Amino acid sequence: MFLTTKMNSKQFGHWSAGLLASMDDPELRISSDEKVVIIKDKFPKAKYHFLILPREKIANLKSLSAKHLDLLRHMQKKGEEIADKANRELKFRFGYHAIPSMSHLHMHVISQDLDSPCLKTKKHWNSFTTDYFIDSKKIIHQLEKTGKIEVNEQETKEFLKADLRCHVCRKEFTTIPALKSHIVLHNLTKSAG
């Protein structure tokens, strides 16, 4: 989550609107163009965790329509470019939280090491390793097909309560520390191979 300063909270309101302030933060901003701003996530859940935000004010996935297809394709392309620049050895995922905690549409570009001190809770883990995290290409496909994005909020919230499972081998764990100790082994195997 992004917390805003007092000045920013007056300007942007509730903490959930903090992404708008983060778009202008030179310490977070990586690049931008006429359509998007790319920032580092303030509380990264992996070694590399970026957010791609449209300049156009779009609240969330439900606010999308077919007119946004070119923008979403552009965001996907920019995500692939930033991932390639960050680290060609790691796998990345590109996608959206079905029910984001922050207002203003944003696509996550996140390396799949998921090794970060900011990844502390079951909710954090499940928000990136279950169907709560919707792949960017899946969103684009649904928008092409139906002209809108539909999210079953009740069903989606259940993903955050799912059992903790390794995103690589699907082994189940009872605690985040045990899971994090386990995924380090996958990350070591990748770097050795």
Protein backbone atom coordinates (compact mmCIF):
# COMPACT_ATOMS: atom_id res chain seq x y z
CA MET A 1 0.00 0.00 0.00
CA PHE A 2 1.11 3.56 -0.59
CA LEU A 3 0.91 6.06 2.23
CA THR A 4 0.79 9.71 1.35
CA THR A 5 2.32 12.65 3.12
CA LYS A 6 0.06 15.20 4.81
CA MET A 7 0.46 17.53 1.85
CA ASN A 8 -0.38 14.75 -0.60
CA SER A 9 -3.28 13.43 1.45
CA LYS A 10 -4.84 16.91 1.40
CA GLN A 11 -4.30 17.11 -2.32
CA PHE A 12 -5.38 13.54 -3.17
CA GLY A 13 -7.64 12.56 -0.24
CA HIS A 14 -7.65 9.03 1.20
CA TRP A 15 -4.42 6.95 1.22
CA SER A 16 -5.92 4.71 -1.47
CA ALA A 17 -5.52 7.60 -3.93
CA GLY A 18 -1.78 7.79 -3.22
CA LEU A 19 -0.83 6.44 -6.64
CA LEU A 20 -1.62 9.80 -8.17
CA ALA A 21 0.98 11.41 -5.88
CA SER A 22 3.45 8.60 -6.55
CA MET A 23 3.26 9.24 -10.28
CA ASP A 24 4.93 12.61 -9.68
CA ASP A 25 7.51 11.40 -7.13
CA PRO A 26 10.96 11.65 -8.79
CA GLU A 27 12.37 9.03 -6.41
CA LEU A 28 9.81 6.45 -7.61
CA ARG A 29 9.43 7.44 -11.25
CA ILE A 30 11.41 5.36 -13.72
CA SER A 31 10.07 6.60 -17.03
CA SER A 32 7.04 8.00 -18.75
CA ASP A 33 5.58 8.78 -22.12
CA GLU A 34 2.42 10.47 -23.39
CA LYS A 35 0.25 7.53 -22.23
CA VAL A 36 1.80 6.07 -19.07
CA VAL A 37 4.04 6.64 -16.07
CA ILE A 38 6.20 3.81 -14.74
CA ILE A 39 7.17 3.84 -11.06
CA LYS A 40 8.88 1.55 -8.58
CA ASP A 41 6.42 0.05 -6.11
CA LYS A 42 7.01 1.75 -2.73
CA PHE A 43 6.62 -1.58 -0.95
CA PRO A 44 7.88 -4.11 -3.50
CA LYS A 45 6.80 -7.71 -3.11
CA ALA A 46 9.75 -9.03 -5.17
CA LYS A 47 13.26 -8.04 -6.17
CA TYR A 48 11.77 -6.13 -9.11
CA HIS A 49 8.29 -4.67 -8.73
CA PHE A 50 7.07 -1.83 -10.92
CA LEU A 51 3.70 -0.22 -11.54
CA ILE A 52 2.55 1.10 -14.90
CA LEU A 53 -0.12 3.74 -14.56
CA PRO A 54 -2.09 5.41 -17.34
CA ARG A 55 -2.04 9.19 -17.42
CA GLU A 56 -5.76 9.02 -18.16
CA LYS A 57 -7.76 8.85 -14.95
CA ILE A 58 -9.22 5.33 -14.89
CA ALA A 59 -10.40 4.15 -11.48
CA ASN A 60 -10.12 0.37 -11.88
CA LEU A 61 -10.67 -2.63 -14.15
CA LYS A 62 -14.45 -2.18 -14.09
CA SER A 63 -13.99 1.31 -15.58
CA LEU A 64 -12.38 -0.11 -18.73
CA SER A 65 -14.13 -0.32 -22.08
CA ALA A 66 -13.12 -1.31 -25.60
CA LYS A 67 -11.81 2.23 -26.17
CA HIS A 68 -8.97 1.39 -23.71
CA LEU A 69 -7.60 -1.57 -25.68
CA ASP A 70 -4.75 0.38 -27.27
CA LEU A 71 -3.77 1.77 -23.86
CA LEU A 72 -3.72 -1.72 -22.28
CA ARG A 73 -1.63 -3.10 -25.13
CA HIS A 74 0.76 -0.19 -24.66
CA MET A 75 0.97 -0.90 -20.92
CA GLN A 76 1.74 -4.56 -21.65
CA LYS A 77 4.49 -3.56 -24.10
CA LYS A 78 6.01 -1.11 -21.62
CA GLY A 79 5.88 -3.79 -18.92
CA GLU A 80 7.78 -6.24 -21.10
CA GLU A 81 10.38 -3.56 -21.89
CA ILE A 82 10.96 -2.60 -18.24
CA ALA A 83 11.20 -6.27 -17.20
CA ASP A 84 13.74 -6.92 -19.94
CA LYS A 85 15.83 -3.93 -18.81
CA ALA A 86 15.59 -4.91 -15.14
CA ASN A 87 16.71 -8.53 -15.40
CA ARG A 88 16.67 -10.93 -18.35
CA GLU A 89 17.31 -13.96 -16.12
CA LEU A 90 14.19 -13.73 -13.95
CA LYS A 91 10.65 -14.50 -15.00
CA PHE A 92 8.13 -11.69 -14.67
CA ARG A 93 4.36 -11.50 -14.52
CA PHE A 94 2.30 -8.61 -15.82
CA GLY A 95 -1.15 -8.08 -14.42
CA TYR A 96 -3.75 -6.48 -12.22
CA HIS A 97 -5.28 -7.17 -8.85
CA ALA A 98 -8.92 -8.06 -9.35
CA ILE A 99 -9.90 -5.77 -6.47
CA PRO A 100 -7.04 -3.32 -5.96
CA SER A 101 -6.55 -1.52 -2.66
CA MET A 102 -5.34 1.58 -4.51
CA SER A 103 -7.59 3.62 -6.77
CA HIS A 104 -6.29 4.46 -10.23
CA LEU A 105 -5.73 1.63 -12.64
CA HIS A 106 -2.23 0.15 -12.44
CA MET A 107 -0.52 -2.86 -13.93
CA HIS A 108 2.03 -4.72 -11.83
CA VAL A 109 5.30 -5.83 -13.38
CA ILE A 110 6.69 -8.24 -10.81
CA SER A 111 9.62 -10.64 -10.85
CA GLN A 112 8.75 -14.15 -9.82
CA ASP A 113 11.44 -14.52 -7.15
CA LEU A 114 8.85 -12.97 -4.77
CA ASP A 115 11.73 -12.36 -2.39
CA SER A 116 11.14 -9.17 -0.44
CA PRO A 117 10.94 -8.06 3.19
CA CYS A 118 7.73 -6.24 2.21
CA LEU A 119 6.00 -9.54 1.41
CA LYS A 120 4.83 -10.28 4.95
CA THR A 121 1.33 -11.69 4.96
CA LYS A 122 -0.84 -14.40 3.45
CA LYS A 123 -2.86 -11.67 1.74
CA HIS A 124 0.30 -10.24 0.13
CA TRP A 125 1.35 -13.69 -1.10
CA ASN A 126 -2.06 -14.72 -2.41
CA SER A 127 -2.64 -11.40 -4.13
CA PHE A 128 0.21 -12.27 -6.53
CA THR A 129 0.05 -16.09 -6.69
CA THR A 130 -3.66 -16.89 -7.07
CA ASP A 131 -6.33 -15.90 -9.58
CA TYR A 132 -6.70 -12.68 -7.58
CA PHE A 133 -3.84 -11.53 -9.85
CA ILE A 134 -5.21 -11.35 -13.38
CA ASP A 135 -2.75 -11.58 -16.25
CA SER A 136 -2.62 -8.49 -18.46
CA LYS A 137 -3.15 -10.51 -21.64
CA LYS A 138 -6.25 -12.10 -20.11
CA ILE A 139 -7.67 -8.64 -19.37
CA ILE A 140 -6.94 -7.53 -22.94
CA HIS A 141 -8.59 -10.67 -24.32
CA GLN A 142 -11.71 -10.22 -22.18
CA LEU A 143 -11.97 -6.58 -23.23
CA GLU A 144 -11.61 -7.54 -26.90
CA LYS A 145 -14.28 -10.21 -26.51
CA THR A 146 -16.89 -8.47 -24.33
CA GLY A 147 -15.97 -4.77 -24.26
CA LYS A 148 -15.84 -4.77 -20.45
CA ILE A 149 -14.19 -6.38 -17.45
CA GLU A 150 -16.32 -8.24 -14.95
CA VAL A 151 -15.01 -9.34 -11.56
CA ASN A 152 -17.01 -11.50 -9.16
CA GLU A 153 -15.96 -9.68 -5.99
CA GLN A 154 -17.21 -12.30 -3.52
CA GLU A 155 -15.48 -15.16 -5.31
CA THR A 156 -12.34 -13.09 -5.86
CA LYS A 157 -11.99 -12.18 -2.16
CA GLU A 158 -11.81 -15.90 -1.38
CA PHE A 159 -8.51 -16.17 -3.29
CA LEU A 160 -6.85 -14.05 -0.61
CA LYS A 161 -7.87 -16.65 2.00
CA ALA A 162 -6.51 -19.63 0.05
CA ASP A 163 -3.90 -21.93 1.58
CA LEU A 164 -0.32 -20.78 1.18
CA ARG A 165 1.25 -22.56 -1.77
CA CYS A 166 4.60 -22.22 -3.51
CA HIS A 167 3.98 -20.57 -6.88
CA VAL A 168 6.65 -22.80 -8.48
CA CYS A 169 6.04 -26.34 -7.15
CA ARG A 170 2.62 -25.82 -5.46
CA LYS A 171 3.84 -27.26 -2.14
CA GLU A 172 1.60 -26.12 0.74
CA PHE A 173 2.88 -24.20 3.78
CA THR A 174 1.31 -23.06 7.04
CA THR A 175 3.37 -19.89 7.58
CA ILE A 176 4.88 -17.13 5.47
CA PRO A 177 8.39 -17.59 7.00
CA ALA A 178 8.37 -21.28 6.04
CA LEU A 179 7.18 -20.45 2.53
CA LYS A 180 9.77 -17.71 2.11
CA SER A 181 12.55 -20.07 3.24
CA HIS A 182 11.32 -22.56 0.65
CA ILE A 183 11.13 -20.14 -2.31
CA VAL A 184 14.72 -19.07 -1.70
CA LEU A 185 15.69 -22.62 -2.68
CA HIS A 186 13.87 -22.24 -6.02
CA ASN A 187 15.62 -18.91 -6.57
CA LEU A 188 19.03 -20.46 -5.84
CA THR A 189 18.33 -23.31 -8.24
CA LYS A 190 17.42 -20.84 -10.99
CA SER A 191 20.58 -18.79 -10.49
CA ALA A 192 22.76 -21.92 -10.50
CA GLY A 193 21.12 -23.32 -13.65
